[in-house]
């Protein structure tokens, strides 16, 4: 038995890579989990924890916020409170008939068949909808951690729900300890406005940095190739960066990049980031899709997508790029940030190599003609140059002594 306590990326993902290094045949995951499908098949057991829930207080708070007993409502919770949703629904069912109870979308054991009919799976949860019903008809009542300040960092699981829920439906959160409720409509609108601002930043960008934020979630290689093709089709230069957990110090080493796109699980992509710490915005794959694909969004798309798997072929939300002769590529567009007219998206065939244009230099060297190379050539300091064989060999000499504020060879001021 091995205890894996350190992960290169988010701790909410199952560490299948660490399990492979240890030669594990099964894995037990403790704590918060995004419940994303792993990249490799492995028997996994989830221990989400059980937080105490004041059922009577939560039931009274539900009745106060939902006076209409016929309104459709979904009971949601953080993973540690999921054990109490059925008991809460039992207290409410005598009065509320159109009540739906969600449950964590735990993976099925290997070799087992899925139940029929298969419940709707979204946001890492199962929703047992009746035939003919859709999730966009329901309001939401979330039992879990609620912050006192509206400007405090949100839990990424709650952020995923607020972004993806139907905008016109009520959404309330309830503290499981005190029963205090809060209307999350204003906070959800603020989150959506922030996301659309990031879409505008992505449309203005010329160089995109693709941050590899996971290696253990299924289809991450396919998603990375999709984002590279998407950037190339929109005439943007993209660079793939594998830096582990992104930090402001790491990303500050790439000043030529206009925006970064974090390819991670839904909770990792929406994790709270210190305000003003990153000198370039960090986006999710959905925002890059909205910025580079002129056919996005598809008709009738109500939720905001938070998982990159929803953008790939095979998903009901996948939207292929329009053909090069489509008029969508020539539609005029104005930046809402700078107010300038953007040039039409330069559609490029996806099978053309991106490094084909070369520019000669006076030193008879060749370099890529790219935005990053142009940015580097404009900098006053371009790094250390070896200059092998061009520098005379000298003996070591004594250097300066003292501290920076007063060296010994400097006169007193």
Protein backbone atom coordinates (compact mmCIF):
# COMPACT_ATOMS: atom_id res chain seq x y z
CA UNK A 1 0.00 0.00 0.00
CA UNK A 2 1.26 3.48 -0.94
CA UNK A 3 0.05 6.90 0.26
CA UNK A 4 0.19 9.47 -2.57
CA UNK A 5 0.14 12.93 -1.02
CA UNK A 6 1.55 15.18 -3.74
CA UNK A 7 0.21 15.90 -7.22
CA UNK A 8 1.74 17.96 -10.02
CA UNK A 9 -1.64 19.51 -10.83
CA UNK A 10 -4.97 19.84 -8.98
CA UNK A 11 -5.66 17.63 -5.99
CA UNK A 12 -9.27 17.08 -7.10
CA UNK A 13 -8.18 14.78 -9.96
CA UNK A 14 -7.43 11.12 -9.47
CA UNK A 15 -3.64 10.68 -9.49
CA UNK A 16 -3.48 7.79 -11.95
CA UNK A 17 0.09 8.69 -12.94
CA UNK A 18 1.30 8.39 -9.36
CA UNK A 19 -0.58 5.13 -9.03
CA UNK A 20 1.17 3.78 -12.13
CA UNK A 21 4.57 4.72 -10.73
CA UNK A 22 3.74 2.76 -7.59
CA UNK A 23 2.38 -0.17 -9.60
CA UNK A 24 -1.01 0.13 -7.91
CA UNK A 25 -3.88 -2.12 -8.97
CA UNK A 26 -6.55 0.06 -7.34
CA UNK A 27 -6.81 3.58 -5.96
CA UNK A 28 -8.70 5.22 -3.09
CA UNK A 29 -9.23 8.98 -3.49
CA UNK A 30 -9.87 11.01 -0.33
CA UNK A 31 -11.35 14.51 -0.26
CA UNK A 32 -12.80 16.81 -2.89
CA UNK A 33 -13.05 15.23 -6.34
CA UNK A 34 -13.99 16.63 -9.73
CA UNK A 35 -15.15 13.11 -10.78
CA UNK A 36 -13.60 13.54 -14.22
CA UNK A 37 -13.04 10.26 -16.07
CA UNK A 38 -9.39 9.15 -15.72
CA UNK A 39 -7.12 8.78 -18.72
CA UNK A 40 -6.37 5.15 -17.86
CA UNK A 41 -8.77 2.48 -16.61
CA UNK A 42 -8.21 1.78 -12.94
CA UNK A 43 -10.55 0.66 -10.11
CA UNK A 44 -11.17 3.80 -8.05
CA UNK A 45 -13.05 4.31 -4.78
CA UNK A 46 -13.99 7.83 -3.72
CA UNK A 47 -14.16 8.92 -0.07
CA UNK A 48 -15.87 12.32 -0.27
CA UNK A 49 -16.41 12.77 3.46
CA UNK A 50 -19.63 13.48 5.35
CA UNK A 51 -20.21 16.99 6.64
CA UNK A 52 -22.95 17.45 9.22
CA UNK A 53 -26.12 19.07 7.86
CA UNK A 54 -28.85 20.73 9.95
CA UNK A 55 -31.80 19.20 8.08
CA UNK A 56 -34.54 21.10 9.89
CA UNK A 57 -32.89 24.48 9.32
CA UNK A 58 -32.20 23.71 5.66
CA UNK A 59 -35.80 22.55 5.13
CA UNK A 60 -37.17 25.79 6.62
CA UNK A 61 -34.82 27.84 4.47
CA UNK A 62 -35.98 25.94 1.38
CA UNK A 63 -39.63 26.70 2.17
CA UNK A 64 -38.86 30.41 2.63
CA UNK A 65 -37.06 30.71 -0.71
CA UNK A 66 -39.54 28.51 -2.64
CA UNK A 67 -43.08 29.49 -1.62
CA UNK A 68 -44.63 27.91 -4.74
CA UNK A 69 -45.00 24.14 -4.07
CA UNK A 70 -45.45 23.40 -7.79
CA UNK A 71 -42.20 25.02 -8.97
CA UNK A 72 -39.58 22.50 -10.20
CA UNK A 73 -36.41 22.59 -8.06
CA UNK A 74 -33.22 20.52 -8.00
CA UNK A 75 -31.46 19.75 -4.73
CA UNK A 76 -27.69 20.20 -5.14
CA UNK A 77 -24.87 20.02 -2.64
CA UNK A 78 -21.14 20.02 -2.26
CA UNK A 79 -19.71 16.46 -2.34
CA UNK A 80 -19.34 16.24 1.43
CA UNK A 81 -23.06 17.02 1.95
CA UNK A 82 -24.44 14.67 -0.72
CA UNK A 83 -25.27 12.03 1.89
CA UNK A 84 -27.98 14.27 3.40
CA UNK A 85 -29.92 15.20 0.22
CA UNK A 86 -32.24 12.18 0.32
CA UNK A 87 -33.14 12.89 3.95
CA UNK A 88 -33.75 16.56 3.10
CA UNK A 89 -35.96 15.55 0.18
CA UNK A 90 -37.97 13.29 2.52
CA UNK A 91 -38.78 16.31 4.70
CA UNK A 92 -39.86 18.37 1.69
CA UNK A 93 -41.75 15.78 -0.40
CA UNK A 94 -45.08 16.05 1.43
CA UNK A 95 -45.37 19.64 0.22
CA UNK A 96 -43.13 19.79 -2.89
CA UNK A 97 -43.91 17.20 -5.54
CA UNK A 98 -41.69 18.38 -8.43
CA UNK A 99 -38.44 17.93 -6.53
CA UNK A 100 -35.34 16.41 -8.10
CA UNK A 101 -32.43 15.04 -6.07
CA UNK A 102 -28.97 15.01 -7.64
CA UNK A 103 -26.18 12.62 -6.71
CA UNK A 104 -22.42 12.51 -7.38
CA UNK A 105 -21.57 10.88 -10.72
CA UNK A 106 -19.30 8.22 -9.28
CA UNK A 107 -17.69 5.94 -11.87
CA UNK A 108 -19.09 2.47 -12.28
CA UNK A 109 -16.93 -0.53 -11.38
CA UNK A 110 -14.92 -1.91 -14.26
CA UNK A 111 -16.89 -4.44 -16.27
CA UNK A 112 -20.32 -3.41 -14.91
CA UNK A 113 -23.14 -2.29 -17.19
CA UNK A 114 -24.74 1.15 -16.91
CA UNK A 115 -28.32 1.35 -15.57
CA UNK A 116 -31.25 1.81 -17.91
CA UNK A 117 -32.52 4.41 -18.43
CA UNK A 118 -29.23 6.21 -17.97
CA UNK A 119 -29.64 9.43 -15.91
CA UNK A 120 -28.45 12.75 -17.25
CA UNK A 121 -24.83 13.40 -16.25
CA UNK A 122 -23.71 17.01 -15.99
CA UNK A 123 -21.53 19.07 -13.62
CA UNK A 124 -20.14 15.86 -12.13
CA UNK A 125 -23.63 14.82 -10.97
CA UNK A 126 -26.48 12.53 -11.99
CA UNK A 127 -29.96 13.99 -12.53
CA UNK A 128 -32.78 11.39 -12.73
CA UNK A 129 -35.03 13.40 -15.04
CA UNK A 130 -38.43 12.11 -16.03
CA UNK A 131 -39.04 11.45 -19.76
CA UNK A 132 -39.75 14.67 -21.61
CA UNK A 133 -38.19 16.92 -18.96
CA UNK A 134 -34.99 18.96 -19.31
CA UNK A 135 -32.69 20.40 -16.68
CA UNK A 136 -33.19 23.97 -17.92
CA UNK A 137 -36.75 23.90 -16.49
CA UNK A 138 -35.55 23.62 -12.88
CA UNK A 139 -34.37 26.08 -10.29
CA UNK A 140 -31.58 25.10 -7.89
CA UNK A 141 -31.10 24.88 -4.13
CA UNK A 142 -27.45 24.27 -3.22
CA UNK A 143 -26.45 22.96 0.21
CA UNK A 144 -22.82 23.72 0.94
CA UNK A 145 -20.23 26.26 1.97
CA UNK A 146 -21.38 29.83 1.48
CA UNK A 147 -19.10 32.85 1.93
CA UNK A 148 -20.22 35.85 3.93
CA UNK A 149 -18.68 38.38 1.55
CA UNK A 150 -20.03 38.48 -2.01
CA UNK A 151 -16.58 39.42 -3.34
CA UNK A 152 -14.76 36.49 -1.75
CA UNK A 153 -13.36 33.69 -3.86
CA UNK A 154 -15.94 31.13 -4.85
CA UNK A 155 -15.62 27.41 -4.47
CA UNK A 156 -14.88 26.11 -8.00
CA UNK A 157 -17.65 23.52 -7.75
CA UNK A 158 -20.23 26.24 -7.02
CA UNK A 159 -18.74 28.40 -9.79
CA UNK A 160 -19.22 25.56 -12.25
CA UNK A 161 -22.89 25.28 -11.29
CA UNK A 162 -23.52 29.04 -11.42
CA UNK A 163 -21.97 29.34 -14.88
CA UNK A 164 -23.75 26.34 -16.31
CA UNK A 165 -27.21 26.83 -14.85
CA UNK A 166 -29.99 28.39 -16.91
CA UNK A 167 -29.70 32.19 -16.44
CA UNK A 168 -33.43 32.76 -15.98
CA UNK A 169 -33.91 30.23 -13.18
CA UNK A 170 -33.49 30.95 -9.45
CA UNK A 171 -30.39 29.64 -7.71
CA UNK A 172 -30.04 29.71 -3.91
CA UNK A 173 -27.23 28.48 -1.69
CA UNK A 174 -27.73 27.34 1.90
CA UNK A 175 -25.17 26.97 4.66
CA UNK A 176 -25.52 23.42 6.03
CA UNK A 177 -24.66 24.51 9.58
CA UNK A 178 -26.89 27.55 10.09
CA UNK A 179 -29.48 27.32 7.29
CA UNK A 180 -28.61 30.82 6.10
CA UNK A 181 -29.48 31.26 2.42
CA UNK A 182 -28.19 33.56 -0.28
CA UNK A 183 -29.49 34.40 -3.73
CA UNK A 184 -26.65 33.59 -6.15
CA UNK A 185 -28.19 35.34 -9.17
CA UNK A 186 -26.05 38.47 -8.86
CA UNK A 187 -22.88 36.46 -8.35
CA UNK A 188 -23.69 34.26 -11.34
CA UNK A 189 -24.16 37.34 -13.53
CA UNK A 190 -20.80 38.69 -12.37
CA UNK A 191 -19.12 35.39 -13.26
CA UNK A 192 -20.66 35.34 -16.74
CA UNK A 193 -19.63 38.97 -17.34
CA UNK A 194 -16.07 38.10 -16.34
CA UNK A 195 -16.07 35.15 -18.77
CA UNK A 196 -17.27 37.28 -21.69
CA UNK A 197 -14.56 39.83 -20.91
CA UNK A 198 -12.00 37.02 -21.21
CA UNK A 199 -13.53 36.04 -24.56
CA UNK A 200 -12.87 39.59 -25.79
CA UNK A 201 -9.29 39.39 -24.57
CA UNK A 202 -8.85 36.14 -26.47
CA UNK A 203 -10.22 37.72 -29.67
CA UNK A 204 -7.70 40.56 -29.38
CA UNK A 205 -4.78 38.18 -28.72
CA UNK A 206 -2.19 37.26 -31.34
CA UNK A 207 -0.14 34.75 -29.33
CA UNK A 208 -1.85 32.10 -27.18
CA UNK A 209 -0.15 29.99 -24.53
CA UNK A 210 -1.75 26.56 -23.96
CA UNK A 211 -1.06 25.46 -20.40
CA UNK A 212 -1.14 21.71 -19.79
CA UNK A 213 -3.05 21.51 -16.50
CA UNK A 214 -3.71 17.78 -16.37
CA UNK A 215 -2.24 14.50 -17.53
CA UNK A 216 -4.66 12.17 -15.79
CA UNK A 217 -8.05 13.22 -17.23
CA UNK A 218 -9.39 11.41 -20.27
CA UNK A 219 -9.02 12.95 -23.75
CA UNK A 220 -6.58 15.67 -22.68
CA UNK A 221 -4.29 14.98 -25.67
CA UNK A 222 -7.24 15.22 -28.05
CA UNK A 223 -8.33 18.48 -26.42
CA UNK A 224 -4.82 19.93 -26.76
CA UNK A 225 -4.75 19.14 -30.48
CA UNK A 226 -8.21 20.69 -30.85
CA UNK A 227 -7.10 23.95 -29.21
CA UNK A 228 -3.99 24.13 -31.38
CA UNK A 229 -6.03 23.64 -34.56
CA UNK A 230 -8.55 26.20 -33.33
CA UNK A 231 -5.86 28.83 -32.72
CA UNK A 232 -4.24 28.14 -36.08
CA UNK A 233 -7.53 28.41 -37.95
CA UNK A 234 -8.14 31.84 -36.34
CA UNK A 235 -4.69 33.10 -37.39
CA UNK A 236 -3.21 33.02 -33.89
CA UNK A 237 0.15 31.59 -32.90
CA UNK A 238 -0.01 29.03 -30.09
CA UNK A 239 2.64 27.58 -27.79
CA UNK A 240 2.21 24.54 -25.53
CA UNK A 241 3.64 25.00 -22.02
CA UNK A 242 3.95 22.17 -19.49
CA UNK A 243 4.75 24.01 -16.25
CA UNK A 244 2.86 22.02 -13.64
CA UNK A 245 0.66 24.15 -11.42
CA UNK A 246 0.60 27.66 -13.02
CA UNK A 247 1.89 30.49 -10.84
CA UNK A 248 2.45 34.19 -11.62
CA UNK A 249 6.23 33.73 -11.43
CA UNK A 250 6.19 30.93 -14.00
CA UNK A 251 3.93 32.70 -16.49
CA UNK A 252 5.89 35.97 -16.16
CA UNK A 253 8.72 34.29 -18.07
CA UNK A 254 6.64 34.49 -21.28
CA UNK A 255 5.84 38.20 -21.80
CA UNK A 256 5.25 37.71 -25.54
CA UNK A 257 2.11 35.64 -24.88
CA UNK A 258 -1.12 37.66 -24.83
CA UNK A 259 -3.45 35.16 -23.10
CA UNK A 260 -3.04 31.76 -21.47
CA UNK A 261 -5.54 28.90 -21.78
CA UNK A 262 -5.53 26.38 -18.93
CA UNK A 263 -6.38 22.87 -20.11
CA UNK A 264 -7.52 21.24 -16.88
CA UNK A 265 -10.50 19.58 -15.24
CA UNK A 266 -13.56 21.78 -14.58
CA UNK A 267 -12.58 22.50 -10.98
CA UNK A 268 -8.95 23.16 -11.85
CA UNK A 269 -9.85 25.55 -14.67
CA UNK A 270 -12.23 27.53 -12.42
CA UNK A 271 -10.08 27.51 -9.27
CA UNK A 272 -9.91 30.98 -7.67
CA UNK A 273 -6.84 32.93 -8.75
CA UNK A 274 -5.43 35.91 -6.79
CA UNK A 275 -6.77 39.10 -8.30
CA UNK A 276 -4.14 41.04 -10.22
CA UNK A 277 -1.40 38.45 -9.67
CA UNK A 278 -1.18 37.17 -13.26
CA UNK A 279 0.07 39.75 -15.73
CA UNK A 280 -1.88 38.03 -18.53
CA UNK A 281 -5.41 36.60 -18.20
CA UNK A 282 -5.86 32.85 -17.76
CA UNK A 283 -8.81 31.46 -19.77
CA UNK A 284 -10.68 28.18 -20.03
CA UNK A 285 -10.93 26.20 -23.30
CA UNK A 286 -14.58 27.25 -23.70
CA UNK A 287 -13.59 30.92 -23.91
CA UNK A 288 -10.98 30.21 -26.58
CA UNK A 289 -13.62 28.26 -28.52
CA UNK A 290 -16.01 31.22 -28.35
CA UNK A 291 -13.26 33.59 -29.51
CA UNK A 292 -11.85 31.56 -32.42
CA UNK A 293 -14.83 29.62 -33.78
CA UNK A 294 -17.19 31.98 -35.65
CA UNK A 295 -19.96 29.35 -35.59
CA UNK A 296 -20.04 29.34 -31.78
CA UNK A 297 -22.33 29.11 -29.86
CA UNK A 298 -24.65 26.48 -31.31
CA UNK A 299 -28.36 27.34 -31.50
CA UNK A 300 -30.22 26.67 -28.28
CA UNK A 301 -27.14 26.35 -26.07
CA UNK A 302 -28.27 27.48 -22.62
CA UNK A 303 -25.54 26.34 -20.21
CA UNK A 304 -22.00 27.65 -20.09
CA UNK A 305 -19.61 24.75 -20.76
CA UNK A 306 -16.90 24.21 -18.17
CA UNK A 307 -15.30 20.91 -19.30
CA UNK A 308 -13.10 20.69 -22.37
CA UNK A 309 -14.62 17.30 -23.29
CA UNK A 310 -17.85 19.11 -24.23
CA UNK A 311 -15.99 20.85 -27.08
CA UNK A 312 -14.67 17.67 -28.71
CA UNK A 313 -16.29 15.54 -31.44
CA UNK A 314 -18.88 13.17 -30.03
CA UNK A 315 -20.28 15.72 -27.58
CA UNK A 316 -23.75 17.19 -28.23
CA UNK A 317 -22.19 20.66 -27.83
CA UNK A 318 -19.40 20.16 -30.39
CA UNK A 319 -19.43 22.75 -33.20
CA UNK A 320 -17.07 22.09 -36.14
CA UNK A 321 -15.22 24.95 -37.75
CA UNK A 322 -16.98 26.47 -40.78
CA UNK A 323 -15.47 25.80 -44.23
CA UNK A 324 -13.01 28.43 -45.50
CA UNK A 325 -15.52 29.78 -48.01
CA UNK A 326 -18.09 30.48 -45.29
CA UNK A 327 -19.17 34.10 -44.79
CA UNK A 328 -18.75 33.71 -41.04
CA UNK A 329 -14.99 34.23 -41.41
CA UNK A 330 -15.53 37.63 -43.05
CA UNK A 331 -18.01 39.04 -40.54
CA UNK A 332 -16.88 42.45 -39.22
CA UNK A 333 -16.01 42.62 -35.57
CA UNK A 334 -15.14 45.46 -33.18
CA UNK A 335 -13.16 44.99 -30.00
CA UNK A 336 -15.19 45.89 -26.93
CA UNK A 337 -11.97 46.58 -25.02
CA UNK A 338 -9.98 48.84 -27.37
CA UNK A 339 -12.85 49.94 -29.64
CA UNK A 340 -10.80 49.14 -32.76
CA UNK A 341 -11.98 47.16 -35.76
CA UNK A 342 -10.57 43.64 -35.77
CA UNK A 343 -9.34 42.16 -39.05
CA UNK A 344 -11.25 39.12 -40.31
CA UNK A 345 -10.15 35.78 -38.93
CA UNK A 346 -7.43 34.36 -41.17
CA UNK A 347 -8.61 30.81 -41.82
CA UNK A 348 -5.70 28.43 -42.44
CA UNK A 349 -5.81 24.78 -43.46
CA UNK A 350 -5.25 22.66 -40.39
CA UNK A 351 -2.73 20.38 -42.12
CA UNK A 352 -0.26 23.14 -43.01
CA UNK A 353 2.80 23.29 -40.72
CA UNK A 354 2.92 26.45 -38.67
CA UNK A 355 6.69 27.04 -38.95
CA UNK A 356 7.16 27.43 -42.71
CA UNK A 357 8.03 31.14 -43.02
CA UNK A 358 11.73 31.96 -42.54
CA UNK A 359 13.40 35.35 -42.38
CA UNK A 360 17.16 35.79 -43.13
CA UNK A 361 19.33 37.73 -40.69
CA UNK A 362 22.57 39.63 -41.43
CA UNK A 363 24.54 36.96 -39.52
CA UNK A 364 23.21 34.37 -42.01
CA UNK A 365 21.08 32.85 -39.25
CA UNK A 366 17.49 31.76 -39.78
CA UNK A 367 14.64 32.38 -37.39
CA UNK A 368 10.91 31.85 -37.44
CA UNK A 369 8.85 34.80 -38.64
CA UNK A 370 6.35 34.70 -35.78
CA UNK A 371 4.87 37.18 -33.28
CA UNK A 372 7.03 35.71 -30.52
CA UNK A 373 10.23 36.12 -32.59
CA UNK A 374 9.27 39.70 -33.46
CA UNK A 375 8.66 40.44 -29.79
CA UNK A 376 12.05 38.99 -28.86
CA UNK A 377 13.85 41.07 -31.50
CA UNK A 378 12.35 44.26 -30.08
CA UNK A 379 13.62 43.63 -26.54
CA UNK A 380 16.78 45.42 -25.40
CA UNK A 381 18.10 42.32 -23.60
CA UNK A 382 17.90 39.07 -25.55
CA UNK A 383 19.68 36.73 -23.16
CA UNK A 384 23.25 35.50 -22.83
CA UNK A 385 25.17 34.74 -26.04
CA UNK A 386 27.90 32.07 -25.84
CA UNK A 387 30.15 33.66 -28.56
CA UNK A 388 32.37 30.57 -28.56
CA UNK A 389 35.89 31.30 -29.83
CA UNK A 390 35.26 35.06 -30.05
CA UNK A 391 36.13 36.04 -26.49
CA UNK A 392 39.83 36.12 -25.40
CA UNK A 393 40.79 33.91 -22.49
CA UNK A 394 41.86 35.87 -19.37
CA UNK A 395 42.88 34.94 -15.86
CA UNK A 396 40.53 35.39 -12.96
CA UNK A 397 40.78 38.80 -11.29
CA UNK A 398 39.64 40.09 -7.95
CA UNK A 399 36.12 41.49 -8.01
CA UNK A 400 34.44 44.26 -6.05
CA UNK A 401 34.11 44.00 -2.31
CA UNK A 402 31.40 45.26 0.00
CA UNK A 403 27.64 45.50 -0.27
CA UNK A 404 25.55 47.05 -3.01
CA UNK A 405 24.89 50.25 -1.08
CA UNK A 406 28.61 50.96 -0.49
CA UNK A 407 31.40 49.09 -2.31
CA UNK A 408 34.95 49.53 -1.05
CA UNK A 409 36.15 51.18 -4.28
CA UNK A 410 33.39 53.80 -4.15
CA UNK A 411 33.97 57.07 -2.38
CA UNK A 412 31.77 58.07 0.53
CA UNK A 413 28.89 60.31 -0.47
